[in-house]
C-alpha cells in the first residue's frame, strides 16, 4: 500500500513557475513508477509526466515538453514536478500516481497506476 500526498499548488501569473511535490509513504516507493496527471473542470484526467522507478526514462505530454520537468528522490520518497513558463491552460487539479508500470504505453494512461493522491490545485492567471 502506498499513500501519496501532493503539495505546492497555488495561484501564479502566466509565465511564472511552481514546483509540485508528492510525498509517498511505504518502504517500496523506489519500486514504483511515478506519474503526474491533471484534470481541468469538465475535462478528462490527462497525462502530464512520468518517471521510471529508477529515475531513468522520463515521459512528457507534448503540451508540457520543454516547460515541465519531473524528478524523484527515492531516499526522500518524493517525486517533483517543476513547472516553468506556466500558461492559463495549465490550470487544473494535479494528481500524482504510483504504479508498477511494465509497458511504456502504460506510463501515459491512468490505467497504469494503482495509487493516487488527492490532488493539488494549480491556477494560472492571464
N, C-alpha and C. Protein backbone atom coordinates (compact mmCIF):
# COMPACT_ATOMS: atom_id res chain seq x y z
N UNK A 1 0.84 -1.19 0.00
CA UNK A 1 0.00 0.00 0.00
C UNK A 1 0.88 1.24 0.00
N UNK A 2 0.52 2.20 -0.83
CA UNK A 2 1.26 3.45 -0.92
C UNK A 2 0.27 4.59 -0.76
N UNK A 3 0.58 5.54 0.09
CA UNK A 3 -0.22 6.75 0.22
C UNK A 3 0.56 7.92 -0.32
N UNK A 4 -0.13 8.76 -1.07
CA UNK A 4 0.51 9.88 -1.76
C UNK A 4 -0.13 11.19 -1.33
N UNK A 5 0.70 12.18 -1.07
CA UNK A 5 0.21 13.49 -0.67
C UNK A 5 0.93 14.56 -1.49
N UNK A 6 0.14 15.28 -2.29
CA UNK A 6 0.70 16.34 -3.12
C UNK A 6 0.73 17.67 -2.35
N UNK A 7 1.65 18.53 -2.74
CA UNK A 7 1.73 19.88 -2.20
C UNK A 7 2.39 20.78 -3.22
N UNK A 8 2.29 22.09 -2.99
CA UNK A 8 2.99 23.04 -3.84
C UNK A 8 2.12 23.77 -4.84
N UNK A 9 0.85 23.41 -4.91
CA UNK A 9 -0.04 24.10 -5.83
C UNK A 9 -0.32 25.52 -5.35
N UNK A 10 -0.98 26.29 -6.22
CA UNK A 10 -1.32 27.66 -5.84
C UNK A 10 -1.70 28.48 -7.04
N UNK A 11 -1.74 29.78 -6.83
CA UNK A 11 -2.10 30.74 -7.87
C UNK A 11 -0.83 31.43 -8.36
N UNK A 12 -0.64 31.46 -9.65
CA UNK A 12 0.55 32.08 -10.24
C UNK A 12 0.16 32.78 -11.53
N UNK A 13 0.89 33.82 -11.87
CA UNK A 13 0.62 34.52 -13.12
C UNK A 13 1.23 33.75 -14.29
N UNK A 14 0.67 33.96 -15.45
CA UNK A 14 1.21 33.36 -16.66
C UNK A 14 2.69 33.71 -16.80
N UNK A 15 3.48 32.73 -17.18
CA UNK A 15 4.92 32.90 -17.28
C UNK A 15 5.68 32.55 -16.02
N UNK A 16 4.95 32.35 -14.93
CA UNK A 16 5.59 32.04 -13.66
C UNK A 16 5.90 30.56 -13.52
N UNK A 17 6.37 30.20 -12.33
CA UNK A 17 6.79 28.83 -12.05
C UNK A 17 6.20 28.33 -10.74
N UNK A 18 6.02 27.03 -10.66
CA UNK A 18 5.65 26.34 -9.44
C UNK A 18 6.38 25.01 -9.41
N UNK A 19 6.63 24.52 -8.20
CA UNK A 19 7.16 23.17 -8.06
C UNK A 19 6.21 22.36 -7.19
N UNK A 20 5.67 21.32 -7.77
CA UNK A 20 4.82 20.40 -7.02
C UNK A 20 5.66 19.29 -6.42
N UNK A 21 5.25 18.86 -5.24
CA UNK A 21 5.88 17.72 -4.59
C UNK A 21 4.83 16.67 -4.29
N UNK A 22 5.26 15.44 -4.28
CA UNK A 22 4.40 14.34 -3.93
C UNK A 22 5.16 13.43 -2.98
N UNK A 23 4.74 13.41 -1.74
CA UNK A 23 5.39 12.58 -0.72
C UNK A 23 4.66 11.26 -0.60
N UNK A 24 5.42 10.18 -0.62
CA UNK A 24 4.85 8.85 -0.56
C UNK A 24 5.20 8.15 0.74
N UNK A 25 4.26 7.40 1.25
CA UNK A 25 4.52 6.56 2.40
C UNK A 25 4.86 5.16 1.92
N UNK A 26 5.45 4.37 2.77
CA UNK A 26 5.75 2.99 2.40
C UNK A 26 7.21 2.80 2.04
N UNK A 27 7.68 1.60 2.27
CA UNK A 27 9.09 1.31 2.05
C UNK A 27 9.42 0.93 0.62
N UNK A 28 8.38 0.77 -0.22
CA UNK A 28 8.62 0.28 -1.57
C UNK A 28 8.50 1.38 -2.61
N UNK A 29 8.62 2.63 -2.19
CA UNK A 29 8.47 3.75 -3.13
C UNK A 29 9.38 3.58 -4.34
N UNK A 30 10.62 3.17 -4.11
CA UNK A 30 11.59 3.07 -5.20
C UNK A 30 11.23 2.00 -6.21
N UNK A 31 10.25 1.16 -5.88
CA UNK A 31 9.83 0.11 -6.81
C UNK A 31 8.79 0.59 -7.82
N UNK A 32 8.26 1.78 -7.60
CA UNK A 32 7.14 2.25 -8.41
C UNK A 32 7.56 3.32 -9.41
N UNK A 33 6.98 3.21 -10.59
CA UNK A 33 7.00 4.34 -11.50
C UNK A 33 6.05 5.40 -10.94
N UNK A 34 6.35 6.66 -11.20
CA UNK A 34 5.53 7.75 -10.70
C UNK A 34 5.07 8.62 -11.86
N UNK A 35 3.85 9.08 -11.76
CA UNK A 35 3.31 9.93 -12.80
C UNK A 35 2.58 11.13 -12.23
N UNK A 36 2.47 12.16 -13.05
CA UNK A 36 1.64 13.32 -12.75
C UNK A 36 0.56 13.41 -13.83
N UNK A 37 -0.65 13.60 -13.36
CA UNK A 37 -1.78 13.81 -14.25
C UNK A 37 -2.49 15.09 -13.82
N UNK A 38 -3.35 15.61 -14.66
CA UNK A 38 -4.11 16.79 -14.29
C UNK A 38 -5.52 16.70 -14.84
N UNK A 39 -6.41 17.41 -14.18
CA UNK A 39 -7.81 17.41 -14.61
C UNK A 39 -8.37 18.80 -14.44
N UNK A 40 -8.79 19.37 -15.55
CA UNK A 40 -9.44 20.67 -15.54
C UNK A 40 -10.95 20.47 -15.46
N UNK A 41 -11.70 21.48 -15.01
CA UNK A 41 -13.16 21.34 -14.89
C UNK A 41 -13.79 20.95 -16.22
N UNK A 42 -14.61 19.94 -16.18
CA UNK A 42 -15.32 19.50 -17.37
C UNK A 42 -14.49 18.69 -18.35
N UNK A 43 -13.26 18.37 -17.97
CA UNK A 43 -12.39 17.61 -18.87
C UNK A 43 -11.94 16.32 -18.21
N UNK A 44 -11.48 15.41 -19.04
CA UNK A 44 -10.97 14.15 -18.52
C UNK A 44 -9.57 14.35 -17.93
N UNK A 45 -9.21 13.42 -17.06
CA UNK A 45 -7.87 13.45 -16.49
C UNK A 45 -6.87 13.15 -17.61
N UNK A 46 -5.82 13.95 -17.67
CA UNK A 46 -4.85 13.78 -18.75
C UNK A 46 -3.43 13.63 -18.20
N UNK A 47 -2.65 12.91 -18.94
CA UNK A 47 -1.26 12.65 -18.58
C UNK A 47 -0.43 13.94 -18.70
N UNK A 48 0.48 14.13 -17.77
CA UNK A 48 1.39 15.27 -17.80
C UNK A 48 2.84 14.78 -17.93
N UNK A 49 3.28 13.94 -16.99
CA UNK A 49 4.67 13.49 -16.99
C UNK A 49 4.80 12.22 -16.16
N UNK A 50 5.84 11.45 -16.43
CA UNK A 50 6.09 10.23 -15.67
C UNK A 50 7.58 9.96 -15.61
N UNK A 51 7.95 9.17 -14.61
CA UNK A 51 9.36 8.81 -14.43
C UNK A 51 9.42 7.36 -13.97
N UNK A 52 10.39 6.64 -14.48
CA UNK A 52 10.52 5.23 -14.14
C UNK A 52 10.95 5.06 -12.68
N UNK A 53 10.89 3.83 -12.21
CA UNK A 53 11.17 3.57 -10.79
C UNK A 53 12.60 3.98 -10.42
N UNK A 54 13.54 3.86 -11.34
CA UNK A 54 14.93 4.17 -11.03
C UNK A 54 15.31 5.60 -11.35
N UNK A 55 14.34 6.40 -11.80
CA UNK A 55 14.66 7.78 -12.15
C UNK A 55 15.27 7.93 -13.52
N UNK A 56 15.24 6.87 -14.29
CA UNK A 56 15.85 6.90 -15.62
C UNK A 56 14.97 7.52 -16.65
N UNK A 57 14.31 6.74 -17.48
CA UNK A 57 13.47 7.35 -18.52
C UNK A 57 12.38 8.24 -17.94
N UNK A 58 12.17 9.37 -18.61
CA UNK A 58 11.07 10.25 -18.27
C UNK A 58 10.20 10.45 -19.50
N UNK A 59 8.96 10.77 -19.26
CA UNK A 59 7.98 10.90 -20.34
C UNK A 59 7.15 12.15 -20.10
N UNK A 60 6.81 12.83 -21.18
CA UNK A 60 6.08 14.08 -21.06
C UNK A 60 4.97 14.16 -22.12
N UNK A 61 3.90 14.83 -21.74
CA UNK A 61 2.90 15.19 -22.72
C UNK A 61 3.48 16.28 -23.62
N UNK A 62 3.07 16.28 -24.87
CA UNK A 62 3.59 17.28 -25.80
C UNK A 62 3.31 18.70 -25.32
N UNK A 63 2.19 18.88 -24.64
CA UNK A 63 1.78 20.22 -24.22
C UNK A 63 2.69 20.80 -23.14
N UNK A 64 3.48 19.97 -22.46
CA UNK A 64 4.33 20.47 -21.37
C UNK A 64 5.81 20.25 -21.66
N UNK A 65 6.12 19.57 -22.73
CA UNK A 65 7.52 19.26 -23.04
C UNK A 65 8.32 20.55 -23.18
N UNK A 66 9.47 20.59 -22.52
CA UNK A 66 10.31 21.78 -22.55
C UNK A 66 9.98 22.80 -21.49
N UNK A 67 8.84 22.64 -20.82
CA UNK A 67 8.46 23.57 -19.76
C UNK A 67 8.42 22.90 -18.39
N UNK A 68 8.04 21.63 -18.34
CA UNK A 68 7.91 20.89 -17.09
C UNK A 68 9.03 19.86 -16.98
N UNK A 69 9.46 19.60 -15.75
CA UNK A 69 10.47 18.58 -15.50
C UNK A 69 10.06 17.73 -14.32
N UNK A 70 10.04 16.42 -14.52
CA UNK A 70 9.73 15.50 -13.43
C UNK A 70 11.04 14.92 -12.90
N UNK A 71 11.09 14.75 -11.60
CA UNK A 71 12.27 14.15 -10.97
C UNK A 71 11.83 13.43 -9.70
N UNK A 72 12.73 12.63 -9.16
CA UNK A 72 12.38 11.91 -7.94
C UNK A 72 13.61 11.77 -7.05
N UNK A 73 13.36 11.70 -5.75
CA UNK A 73 14.39 11.41 -4.76
C UNK A 73 13.90 10.21 -3.96
N UNK A 74 14.40 9.04 -4.32
CA UNK A 74 13.93 7.83 -3.66
C UNK A 74 14.30 7.82 -2.17
N UNK A 75 15.39 8.45 -1.81
CA UNK A 75 15.79 8.49 -0.40
C UNK A 75 14.79 9.29 0.44
N UNK A 76 14.06 10.19 -0.23
CA UNK A 76 13.07 11.01 0.48
C UNK A 76 11.64 10.59 0.14
N UNK A 77 11.50 9.53 -0.63
CA UNK A 77 10.16 9.07 -1.02
C UNK A 77 9.34 10.20 -1.64
N UNK A 78 9.96 10.96 -2.50
CA UNK A 78 9.31 12.14 -3.05
C UNK A 78 9.54 12.24 -4.55
N UNK A 79 8.51 12.66 -5.24
CA UNK A 79 8.62 12.97 -6.66
C UNK A 79 8.20 14.43 -6.84
N UNK A 80 8.83 15.10 -7.80
CA UNK A 80 8.61 16.53 -8.02
C UNK A 80 8.15 16.78 -9.45
N UNK A 81 7.47 17.88 -9.61
CA UNK A 81 7.14 18.38 -10.94
C UNK A 81 7.46 19.87 -10.95
N UNK A 82 8.56 20.22 -11.61
CA UNK A 82 8.93 21.62 -11.77
C UNK A 82 8.22 22.16 -13.00
N UNK A 83 7.42 23.20 -12.81
CA UNK A 83 6.61 23.75 -13.89
C UNK A 83 7.05 25.19 -14.15
N UNK A 84 7.58 25.42 -15.33
CA UNK A 84 8.03 26.76 -15.73
C UNK A 84 7.18 27.27 -16.89
N UNK A 85 7.27 28.56 -17.13
CA UNK A 85 6.54 29.18 -18.25
C UNK A 85 5.08 28.76 -18.25
N UNK A 86 4.46 28.86 -17.11
CA UNK A 86 3.08 28.39 -16.98
C UNK A 86 2.13 29.21 -17.82
N UNK A 87 1.10 28.54 -18.31
CA UNK A 87 0.09 29.14 -19.16
C UNK A 87 -1.28 28.97 -18.50
N UNK A 88 -2.23 29.84 -18.84
CA UNK A 88 -3.58 29.66 -18.27
C UNK A 88 -4.16 28.28 -18.54
N UNK A 89 -3.83 27.68 -19.65
CA UNK A 89 -4.35 26.34 -19.97
C UNK A 89 -3.74 25.25 -19.12
N UNK A 90 -2.75 25.58 -18.29
CA UNK A 90 -2.20 24.60 -17.34
C UNK A 90 -3.04 24.53 -16.07
N UNK A 91 -4.02 25.41 -15.95
CA UNK A 91 -4.88 25.42 -14.77
C UNK A 91 -5.63 24.10 -14.65
N UNK A 92 -5.50 23.45 -13.50
CA UNK A 92 -6.12 22.15 -13.27
C UNK A 92 -5.79 21.69 -11.86
N UNK A 93 -6.44 20.61 -11.46
CA UNK A 93 -6.01 19.87 -10.27
C UNK A 93 -4.96 18.87 -10.73
N UNK A 94 -3.84 18.88 -10.06
CA UNK A 94 -2.73 17.99 -10.41
C UNK A 94 -2.66 16.84 -9.42
N UNK A 95 -2.57 15.64 -9.97
CA UNK A 95 -2.53 14.42 -9.17
C UNK A 95 -1.22 13.68 -9.41
N UNK A 96 -0.64 13.14 -8.35
CA UNK A 96 0.46 12.22 -8.58
C UNK A 96 -0.06 10.79 -8.41
N UNK A 97 0.63 9.87 -9.03
CA UNK A 97 0.20 8.49 -9.05
C UNK A 97 1.41 7.57 -9.03
N UNK A 98 1.22 6.38 -8.49
CA UNK A 98 2.28 5.38 -8.41
C UNK A 98 1.78 4.07 -8.98
N UNK A 99 2.67 3.38 -9.67
CA UNK A 99 2.27 2.10 -10.23
C UNK A 99 3.46 1.28 -10.66
N UNK A 100 3.24 -0.01 -10.79
CA UNK A 100 4.25 -0.90 -11.34
C UNK A 100 3.98 -0.96 -12.84
N UNK A 101 4.66 -0.12 -13.57
CA UNK A 101 4.40 0.05 -15.00
C UNK A 101 5.35 -0.84 -15.78
N UNK A 102 4.79 -1.81 -16.47
CA UNK A 102 5.61 -2.79 -17.19
C UNK A 102 5.72 -2.53 -18.68
N UNK A 103 4.93 -1.60 -19.17
CA UNK A 103 4.95 -1.32 -20.60
C UNK A 103 4.99 0.19 -20.80
N UNK A 104 5.77 0.62 -21.77
CA UNK A 104 5.93 2.06 -21.98
C UNK A 104 4.60 2.76 -22.19
N UNK A 105 3.71 2.15 -22.91
CA UNK A 105 2.43 2.80 -23.21
C UNK A 105 1.63 3.08 -21.93
N UNK A 106 1.85 2.28 -20.91
CA UNK A 106 1.07 2.45 -19.69
C UNK A 106 1.55 3.62 -18.85
N UNK A 107 2.69 4.18 -19.13
CA UNK A 107 3.09 5.40 -18.44
C UNK A 107 2.11 6.54 -18.71
N UNK A 108 1.49 6.51 -19.90
CA UNK A 108 0.71 7.63 -20.38
C UNK A 108 -0.77 7.57 -20.02
N UNK A 109 -1.18 6.50 -19.40
CA UNK A 109 -2.60 6.33 -19.12
C UNK A 109 -2.85 6.12 -17.64
N UNK A 110 -3.97 6.64 -17.12
CA UNK A 110 -4.28 6.41 -15.70
C UNK A 110 -4.36 4.92 -15.34
N UNK A 111 -4.65 4.07 -16.32
CA UNK A 111 -4.78 2.65 -16.05
C UNK A 111 -3.46 2.00 -15.65
N UNK A 112 -2.36 2.69 -15.87
CA UNK A 112 -1.07 2.13 -15.50
C UNK A 112 -0.70 2.32 -14.04
N UNK A 113 -1.54 3.01 -13.29
CA UNK A 113 -1.19 3.39 -11.93
C UNK A 113 -2.21 2.84 -10.94
N UNK A 114 -1.70 2.45 -9.78
CA UNK A 114 -2.54 1.81 -8.77
C UNK A 114 -2.91 2.72 -7.61
N UNK A 115 -2.08 3.73 -7.37
CA UNK A 115 -2.29 4.58 -6.20
C UNK A 115 -2.31 6.05 -6.65
N UNK A 116 -3.18 6.81 -6.01
CA UNK A 116 -3.39 8.21 -6.38
C UNK A 116 -3.42 9.09 -5.15
N UNK A 117 -2.91 10.31 -5.31
CA UNK A 117 -3.07 11.31 -4.28
C UNK A 117 -4.39 12.03 -4.42
N UNK A 118 -4.63 12.96 -3.51
CA UNK A 118 -5.89 13.70 -3.50
C UNK A 118 -5.87 14.89 -4.45
N UNK A 119 -4.71 15.29 -4.89
CA UNK A 119 -4.62 16.38 -5.85
C UNK A 119 -4.30 17.71 -5.22
N UNK A 120 -3.71 18.59 -6.00
CA UNK A 120 -3.42 19.95 -5.58
C UNK A 120 -3.78 20.90 -6.72
N UNK A 121 -4.43 22.00 -6.37
CA UNK A 121 -4.94 22.93 -7.37
C UNK A 121 -3.82 23.85 -7.87
N UNK A 122 -3.73 23.96 -9.17
CA UNK A 122 -2.84 24.93 -9.81
C UNK A 122 -3.69 25.86 -10.66
N UNK A 123 -3.58 27.15 -10.39
CA UNK A 123 -4.34 28.14 -11.14
C UNK A 123 -3.37 29.16 -11.73
N UNK A 124 -3.44 29.32 -13.04
CA UNK A 124 -2.56 30.25 -13.74
C UNK A 124 -3.42 31.38 -14.30
N UNK A 125 -3.16 32.58 -13.85
CA UNK A 125 -3.94 33.74 -14.31
C UNK A 125 -3.26 34.38 -15.50
N UNK A 126 -4.09 34.95 -16.36
CA UNK A 126 -3.55 35.59 -17.57
C UNK A 126 -3.24 37.06 -17.33
